[in-house]
N, C-alpha and C. Protein backbone atom coordinates (compact mmCIF):
# COMPACT_ATOMS: atom_id res chain seq x y z
N UNK A 1 0.84 -1.19 0.00
CA UNK A 1 0.00 0.00 0.00
C UNK A 1 0.88 1.25 0.00
N UNK A 2 0.57 2.19 -0.86
CA UNK A 2 1.32 3.44 -0.93
C UNK A 2 0.66 4.48 -0.04
N UNK A 3 1.47 5.13 0.76
CA UNK A 3 0.97 6.19 1.63
C UNK A 3 1.23 7.53 0.96
N UNK A 4 0.20 8.30 0.79
CA UNK A 4 0.34 9.63 0.20
C UNK A 4 0.56 10.66 1.30
N UNK A 5 1.40 11.62 1.01
CA UNK A 5 1.72 12.65 1.99
C UNK A 5 1.30 14.02 1.46
N UNK A 6 1.38 15.01 2.31
CA UNK A 6 1.11 16.39 1.89
C UNK A 6 2.09 16.79 0.80
N UNK A 7 3.34 16.35 0.93
CA UNK A 7 4.33 16.68 -0.10
C UNK A 7 3.92 16.13 -1.46
N UNK A 8 3.36 14.90 -1.48
CA UNK A 8 2.88 14.33 -2.74
C UNK A 8 1.85 15.24 -3.39
N UNK A 9 0.93 15.72 -2.59
CA UNK A 9 -0.11 16.62 -3.12
C UNK A 9 0.51 17.93 -3.60
N UNK A 10 1.49 18.43 -2.88
CA UNK A 10 2.17 19.67 -3.30
C UNK A 10 2.83 19.49 -4.66
N UNK A 11 3.49 18.36 -4.85
CA UNK A 11 4.15 18.12 -6.14
C UNK A 11 3.14 17.95 -7.25
N UNK A 12 2.01 17.33 -6.95
CA UNK A 12 0.96 17.19 -7.97
C UNK A 12 0.41 18.57 -8.33
N UNK A 13 0.25 19.43 -7.34
CA UNK A 13 -0.20 20.80 -7.62
C UNK A 13 0.80 21.54 -8.50
N UNK A 14 2.10 21.31 -8.26
CA UNK A 14 3.12 21.95 -9.10
C UNK A 14 3.03 21.43 -10.53
N UNK A 15 2.85 20.12 -10.69
CA UNK A 15 2.71 19.56 -12.04
C UNK A 15 1.47 20.10 -12.73
N UNK A 16 0.38 20.26 -11.98
CA UNK A 16 -0.84 20.85 -12.55
C UNK A 16 -0.62 22.30 -12.96
N UNK A 17 0.14 23.05 -12.16
CA UNK A 17 0.44 24.45 -12.51
C UNK A 17 1.25 24.51 -13.81
N UNK A 18 2.20 23.60 -13.97
CA UNK A 18 2.97 23.55 -15.21
C UNK A 18 2.09 23.18 -16.40
N UNK A 19 1.14 22.28 -16.17
CA UNK A 19 0.20 21.90 -17.23
C UNK A 19 -0.67 23.09 -17.63
N UNK A 20 -1.15 23.84 -16.64
CA UNK A 20 -1.96 25.03 -16.94
C UNK A 20 -1.14 26.05 -17.73
N UNK A 21 0.13 26.20 -17.36
CA UNK A 21 1.01 27.13 -18.10
C UNK A 21 1.14 26.68 -19.55
N UNK A 22 1.34 25.39 -19.76
CA UNK A 22 1.47 24.86 -21.12
C UNK A 22 0.28 25.24 -21.97
N UNK A 23 -0.91 25.10 -21.39
CA UNK A 23 -2.13 25.37 -22.14
C UNK A 23 -2.38 26.86 -22.33
N UNK A 24 -2.28 27.62 -21.25
CA UNK A 24 -2.67 29.03 -21.33
C UNK A 24 -1.61 29.93 -21.95
N UNK A 25 -0.36 29.71 -21.65
CA UNK A 25 0.70 30.61 -22.12
C UNK A 25 1.31 30.16 -23.44
N UNK A 26 1.25 28.86 -23.71
CA UNK A 26 1.95 28.37 -24.90
C UNK A 26 1.07 27.59 -25.85
N UNK A 27 -0.24 27.51 -25.55
CA UNK A 27 -1.21 26.82 -26.41
C UNK A 27 -0.78 25.38 -26.72
N UNK A 28 -0.24 24.70 -25.69
CA UNK A 28 0.20 23.32 -25.81
C UNK A 28 -0.82 22.40 -25.15
N UNK A 29 -0.66 21.11 -25.37
CA UNK A 29 -1.47 20.12 -24.67
C UNK A 29 -1.10 20.24 -23.19
N UNK A 30 -2.09 20.35 -22.30
CA UNK A 30 -1.81 20.65 -20.89
C UNK A 30 -1.30 19.45 -20.08
N UNK A 31 0.00 19.24 -20.16
CA UNK A 31 0.67 18.22 -19.35
C UNK A 31 1.91 18.86 -18.74
N UNK A 32 2.07 18.66 -17.43
CA UNK A 32 3.25 19.15 -16.73
C UNK A 32 3.92 18.00 -16.01
N UNK A 33 5.23 18.13 -15.75
CA UNK A 33 5.97 17.06 -15.08
C UNK A 33 7.01 17.67 -14.15
N UNK A 34 7.18 17.01 -13.00
CA UNK A 34 8.22 17.39 -12.04
C UNK A 34 9.02 16.13 -11.75
N UNK A 35 10.33 16.19 -11.94
CA UNK A 35 11.22 15.07 -11.66
C UNK A 35 11.84 15.29 -10.29
N UNK A 36 11.63 14.33 -9.40
CA UNK A 36 12.04 14.47 -8.01
C UNK A 36 12.95 13.35 -7.56
N UNK A 37 13.82 13.68 -6.64
CA UNK A 37 14.56 12.69 -5.86
C UNK A 37 14.33 13.09 -4.41
N UNK A 38 13.50 12.32 -3.71
CA UNK A 38 13.08 12.74 -2.37
C UNK A 38 12.25 14.00 -2.50
N UNK A 39 12.63 15.04 -1.79
CA UNK A 39 11.94 16.33 -1.91
C UNK A 39 12.74 17.33 -2.72
N UNK A 40 13.73 16.86 -3.46
CA UNK A 40 14.56 17.72 -4.29
C UNK A 40 14.04 17.70 -5.72
N UNK A 41 13.78 18.88 -6.27
CA UNK A 41 13.37 18.99 -7.67
C UNK A 41 14.62 18.88 -8.53
N UNK A 42 14.65 17.86 -9.37
CA UNK A 42 15.77 17.72 -10.30
C UNK A 42 15.47 18.42 -11.62
N UNK A 43 14.20 18.43 -12.01
CA UNK A 43 13.82 19.07 -13.26
C UNK A 43 12.32 19.24 -13.35
N UNK A 44 11.91 20.17 -14.20
CA UNK A 44 10.49 20.44 -14.45
C UNK A 44 10.30 20.65 -15.94
N UNK A 45 9.08 20.41 -16.38
CA UNK A 45 8.79 20.67 -17.78
C UNK A 45 7.31 20.60 -18.07
N UNK A 46 6.96 21.05 -19.25
CA UNK A 46 5.60 20.95 -19.75
C UNK A 46 5.69 20.64 -21.22
N UNK A 47 4.58 20.17 -21.79
CA UNK A 47 4.58 19.84 -23.20
C UNK A 47 5.02 21.04 -24.03
N UNK A 48 5.90 20.77 -24.98
CA UNK A 48 6.38 21.82 -25.90
C UNK A 48 6.44 21.28 -27.33
N UNK A 49 5.66 20.27 -27.60
CA UNK A 49 5.73 19.64 -28.91
C UNK A 49 5.29 20.56 -30.04
N UNK A 50 4.27 21.35 -29.81
CA UNK A 50 3.73 22.21 -30.86
C UNK A 50 4.65 23.39 -31.13
N UNK A 51 4.96 24.14 -30.08
CA UNK A 51 5.78 25.35 -30.24
C UNK A 51 7.19 25.08 -30.72
N UNK A 52 7.74 23.95 -30.33
CA UNK A 52 9.12 23.64 -30.73
C UNK A 52 9.19 22.76 -31.98
N UNK A 53 8.02 22.34 -32.49
CA UNK A 53 7.96 21.41 -33.63
C UNK A 53 8.84 20.19 -33.37
N UNK A 54 8.80 19.73 -32.11
CA UNK A 54 9.62 18.59 -31.69
C UNK A 54 8.70 17.52 -31.11
N UNK A 55 8.48 16.43 -31.83
CA UNK A 55 7.57 15.40 -31.33
C UNK A 55 8.06 14.70 -30.07
N UNK A 56 9.31 14.90 -29.70
CA UNK A 56 9.82 14.29 -28.47
C UNK A 56 9.72 15.20 -27.26
N UNK A 57 9.24 16.43 -27.43
CA UNK A 57 9.23 17.41 -26.35
C UNK A 57 8.00 17.26 -25.44
N UNK A 58 7.78 16.04 -24.99
CA UNK A 58 6.72 15.77 -24.01
C UNK A 58 7.19 16.25 -22.65
N UNK A 59 6.26 16.51 -21.76
CA UNK A 59 6.57 17.09 -20.45
C UNK A 59 7.64 16.31 -19.70
N UNK A 60 7.53 14.99 -19.68
CA UNK A 60 8.50 14.19 -18.92
C UNK A 60 9.89 14.24 -19.54
N UNK A 61 9.97 14.33 -20.86
CA UNK A 61 11.27 14.43 -21.54
C UNK A 61 11.88 15.81 -21.29
N UNK A 62 11.04 16.84 -21.35
CA UNK A 62 11.51 18.20 -21.06
C UNK A 62 12.03 18.27 -19.63
N UNK A 63 11.34 17.61 -18.70
CA UNK A 63 11.79 17.59 -17.30
C UNK A 63 13.13 16.86 -17.17
N UNK A 64 13.31 15.77 -17.88
CA UNK A 64 14.60 15.06 -17.86
C UNK A 64 15.72 15.93 -18.43
N UNK A 65 15.43 16.64 -19.51
CA UNK A 65 16.44 17.53 -20.10
C UNK A 65 16.79 18.66 -19.13
N UNK A 66 15.76 19.19 -18.46
CA UNK A 66 15.99 20.24 -17.46
C UNK A 66 16.87 19.71 -16.33
N UNK A 67 16.60 18.48 -15.90
CA UNK A 67 17.41 17.88 -14.84
C UNK A 67 18.86 17.73 -15.28
N UNK A 68 19.07 17.36 -16.52
CA UNK A 68 20.42 17.24 -17.04
C UNK A 68 21.19 18.54 -16.96
N UNK A 69 20.50 19.64 -17.25
CA UNK A 69 21.15 20.96 -17.15
C UNK A 69 21.38 21.36 -15.70
N UNK A 70 20.39 21.12 -14.85
CA UNK A 70 20.48 21.55 -13.45
C UNK A 70 21.54 20.79 -12.65
N UNK A 71 21.60 19.49 -12.84
CA UNK A 71 22.52 18.69 -12.03
C UNK A 71 23.74 18.25 -12.84
N UNK A 72 23.94 18.92 -13.95
CA UNK A 72 25.10 18.70 -14.80
C UNK A 72 25.34 17.23 -15.13
N UNK A 73 24.28 16.63 -15.61
CA UNK A 73 24.30 15.26 -16.09
C UNK A 73 24.52 14.22 -15.00
N UNK A 74 24.33 14.59 -13.75
CA UNK A 74 24.40 13.59 -12.68
C UNK A 74 23.29 12.57 -12.90
N UNK A 75 23.51 11.34 -12.51
CA UNK A 75 22.48 10.32 -12.72
C UNK A 75 21.17 10.71 -12.03
N UNK A 76 20.08 10.36 -12.65
CA UNK A 76 18.77 10.63 -12.06
C UNK A 76 18.16 9.34 -11.50
N UNK A 77 19.02 8.42 -11.11
CA UNK A 77 18.53 7.18 -10.52
C UNK A 77 17.78 7.48 -9.23
N UNK A 78 16.82 6.65 -8.93
CA UNK A 78 15.96 6.78 -7.75
C UNK A 78 15.12 8.05 -7.79
N UNK A 79 14.90 8.57 -8.97
CA UNK A 79 14.05 9.74 -9.13
C UNK A 79 12.67 9.28 -9.57
N UNK A 80 11.67 10.10 -9.27
CA UNK A 80 10.31 9.82 -9.72
C UNK A 80 9.80 11.00 -10.52
N UNK A 81 8.87 10.73 -11.41
CA UNK A 81 8.24 11.79 -12.20
C UNK A 81 6.80 11.91 -11.74
N UNK A 82 6.40 13.12 -11.38
CA UNK A 82 5.00 13.41 -11.06
C UNK A 82 4.44 14.15 -12.26
N UNK A 83 3.37 13.63 -12.82
CA UNK A 83 2.80 14.23 -14.01
C UNK A 83 1.33 14.52 -13.82
N UNK A 84 0.89 15.59 -14.45
CA UNK A 84 -0.53 15.94 -14.45
C UNK A 84 -0.91 16.48 -15.81
């Protein structure tokens, strides 16, 4: 059984905020993603497939790319992706 915490809900709210941004500010499909290790944000992203003309620019991929820049390519093992 998985126990949900307040932090889980906070991260889901952050992913939802990124999804809303994708839709309202960039006219993208509303999906947001937060890549976490514990309570540390490794990366964030939202769908950018339309604006970037890049079929691989899904929210989770954008979050992984962001993590690569933020942690200078450190492994993202034991990380989870929260998506909305």
